[in-house]
Amino acid sequence: MELVKAGRVELYGRARATGFDLFFSGLPDRGGVRFRGVTSLPEVLWKIRSGREREWFLEQMALAYPAIRAFPDKQVLVHFSDSRLEEMVDRRFQELKAQGANGILSVTGAGELIFNGR
């Protein structure tokens, strides 16, 4: 959320079920997230696949829109507004991929990269 508040990243949620494909933009709001529906998503997005941040965001999304709890496919997506930060993440991701490394690559609120290998 520190990166969102600083304008370096944008958070999005997506919930899909048969006949529904809903997009949300997540904005910081008094320790939580305020959601607004959007009609489309940015072209380049990174998916948060696991972790407590993902679970927290999905819970906030479900509190705002309880019906999506029943949706089988829910995603938390990140768009980098800060192109330098995105380049750093992409470069590190490519390095780890070339090494055959497995684990979780995270970005701290200060924009530092941390890799936890398995």
Protein backbone atom coordinates (compact mmCIF):
# COMPACT_ATOMS: atom_id res chain seq x y z
CA MET A 1 0.00 0.00 0.00
CA GLU A 2 2.98 2.33 0.52
CA LEU A 3 3.79 2.07 -3.18
CA VAL A 4 0.15 2.75 -4.07
CA LYS A 5 0.05 5.80 -1.80
CA ALA A 6 3.28 7.05 -3.39
CA GLY A 7 1.79 6.64 -6.89
CA ARG A 8 4.39 4.05 -7.90
CA VAL A 9 1.94 1.19 -8.44
CA GLU A 10 -1.77 0.77 -9.05
CA LEU A 11 -3.78 -2.15 -7.64
CA TYR A 12 -6.55 -3.93 -9.49
CA GLY A 13 -8.86 -6.77 -8.69
CA ARG A 14 -10.60 -9.07 -11.10
CA ALA A 15 -13.43 -11.47 -10.31
CA ARG A 16 -14.73 -13.94 -12.88
CA ALA A 17 -17.61 -16.37 -12.94
CA THR A 18 -19.83 -17.69 -15.71
CA GLY A 19 -21.30 -14.63 -17.38
CA PHE A 20 -19.33 -12.15 -15.25
CA ASP A 21 -15.91 -10.52 -15.60
CA LEU A 22 -15.62 -7.66 -13.10
CA PHE A 23 -12.70 -5.23 -12.78
CA PHE A 24 -11.92 -3.07 -9.75
CA SER A 25 -9.36 -0.40 -9.01
CA GLY A 26 -8.15 -0.39 -5.40
CA LEU A 27 -7.32 2.95 -3.79
CA PRO A 28 -5.96 3.49 -0.25
CA ASP A 29 -8.59 4.61 2.23
CA ARG A 30 -8.02 4.95 6.01
CA GLY A 31 -6.03 1.75 6.53
CA GLY A 32 -8.10 -0.19 4.03
CA VAL A 33 -8.91 -0.08 0.36
CA ARG A 34 -11.71 1.72 -1.42
CA PHE A 35 -12.80 0.07 -4.64
CA ARG A 36 -14.32 1.47 -7.75
CA GLY A 37 -15.44 -0.45 -10.77
CA VAL A 38 -13.48 0.08 -13.97
CA THR A 39 -14.37 -0.95 -17.50
CA SER A 40 -10.91 -2.14 -18.49
CA LEU A 41 -7.47 -2.92 -17.12
CA PRO A 42 -4.05 -1.57 -18.13
CA GLU A 43 -2.36 -3.59 -20.84
CA VAL A 44 0.67 -4.61 -18.73
CA LEU A 45 -0.12 -6.20 -15.37
CA TRP A 46 1.69 -8.38 -12.87
CA LYS A 47 -0.29 -10.97 -10.96
CA ILE A 48 0.11 -11.45 -7.21
CA ARG A 49 -0.26 -15.21 -6.98
CA SER A 50 0.09 -15.82 -3.25
CA GLY A 51 0.93 -14.33 0.10
CA ARG A 52 -0.79 -12.47 2.87
CA GLU A 53 -0.99 -9.24 0.84
CA ARG A 54 -3.01 -11.06 -1.83
CA GLU A 55 -5.32 -12.58 0.78
CA TRP A 56 -5.79 -9.21 2.51
CA PHE A 57 -6.65 -7.49 -0.77
CA LEU A 58 -9.15 -10.23 -1.74
CA GLU A 59 -10.78 -9.97 1.69
CA GLN A 60 -11.09 -6.19 1.32
CA MET A 61 -12.60 -6.70 -2.13
CA ALA A 62 -15.11 -9.23 -0.75
CA LEU A 63 -16.07 -6.87 2.08
CA ALA A 64 -16.88 -4.20 -0.49
CA TYR A 65 -18.64 -6.62 -2.88
CA PRO A 66 -19.81 -9.69 -0.87
CA ALA A 67 -21.24 -11.47 -3.92
CA ILE A 68 -17.76 -12.08 -5.34
CA ARG A 69 -16.96 -14.52 -2.51
CA ALA A 70 -18.77 -17.11 -4.65
CA PHE A 71 -16.77 -16.30 -7.79
CA PRO A 72 -14.34 -19.13 -8.56
CA ASP A 73 -11.64 -16.94 -10.12
CA LYS A 74 -10.35 -13.89 -8.26
CA GLN A 75 -7.12 -12.09 -9.11
CA VAL A 76 -5.01 -9.35 -7.59
CA LEU A 77 -3.10 -7.42 -10.24
CA VAL A 78 -0.45 -4.71 -10.13
CA HIS A 79 0.36 -2.06 -12.70
CA PHE A 80 3.65 -0.20 -12.26
CA SER A 81 3.24 3.55 -12.69
CA ASP A 82 6.94 3.89 -11.88
CA SER A 83 8.67 2.55 -15.01
CA ARG A 84 12.07 2.36 -13.26
CA LEU A 85 10.61 0.13 -10.57
CA GLU A 86 8.95 -2.07 -13.18
CA GLU A 87 12.25 -2.37 -15.09
CA MET A 88 14.01 -3.42 -11.86
CA VAL A 89 11.37 -6.07 -11.15
CA ASP A 90 11.40 -7.33 -14.73
CA ARG A 91 15.21 -7.49 -14.87
CA ARG A 92 15.41 -9.38 -11.54
CA PHE A 93 12.60 -11.71 -12.63
CA GLN A 94 14.43 -12.51 -15.87
CA GLU A 95 17.69 -13.16 -13.97
CA LEU A 96 15.96 -15.55 -11.58
CA LYS A 97 14.19 -17.28 -14.45
CA ALA A 98 17.52 -17.75 -16.30
CA GLN A 99 19.00 -19.28 -13.13
CA GLY A 100 16.06 -21.65 -12.82
CA ALA A 101 15.30 -20.23 -9.38
CA ASN A 102 11.95 -20.87 -7.69
CA GLY A 103 10.48 -18.70 -4.98
CA ILE A 104 8.73 -15.43 -4.32
CA LEU A 105 9.94 -12.07 -5.58
CA SER A 106 8.53 -9.23 -3.48
CA VAL A 107 8.74 -5.44 -3.59
CA THR A 108 8.86 -3.65 -0.25
CA GLY A 109 7.04 -0.41 0.47
CA ALA A 110 10.37 1.38 -0.10
CA GLY A 111 10.72 -0.19 -3.57
CA GLU A 112 13.40 -2.72 -2.62
CA LEU A 113 13.34 -6.20 -4.15
CA ILE A 114 13.47 -9.29 -1.95
CA PHE A 115 13.70 -12.84 -3.26
CA ASN A 116 12.78 -15.76 -1.02
CA GLY A 117 13.94 -18.93 -2.77
CA ARG A 118 12.56 -22.34 -2.09
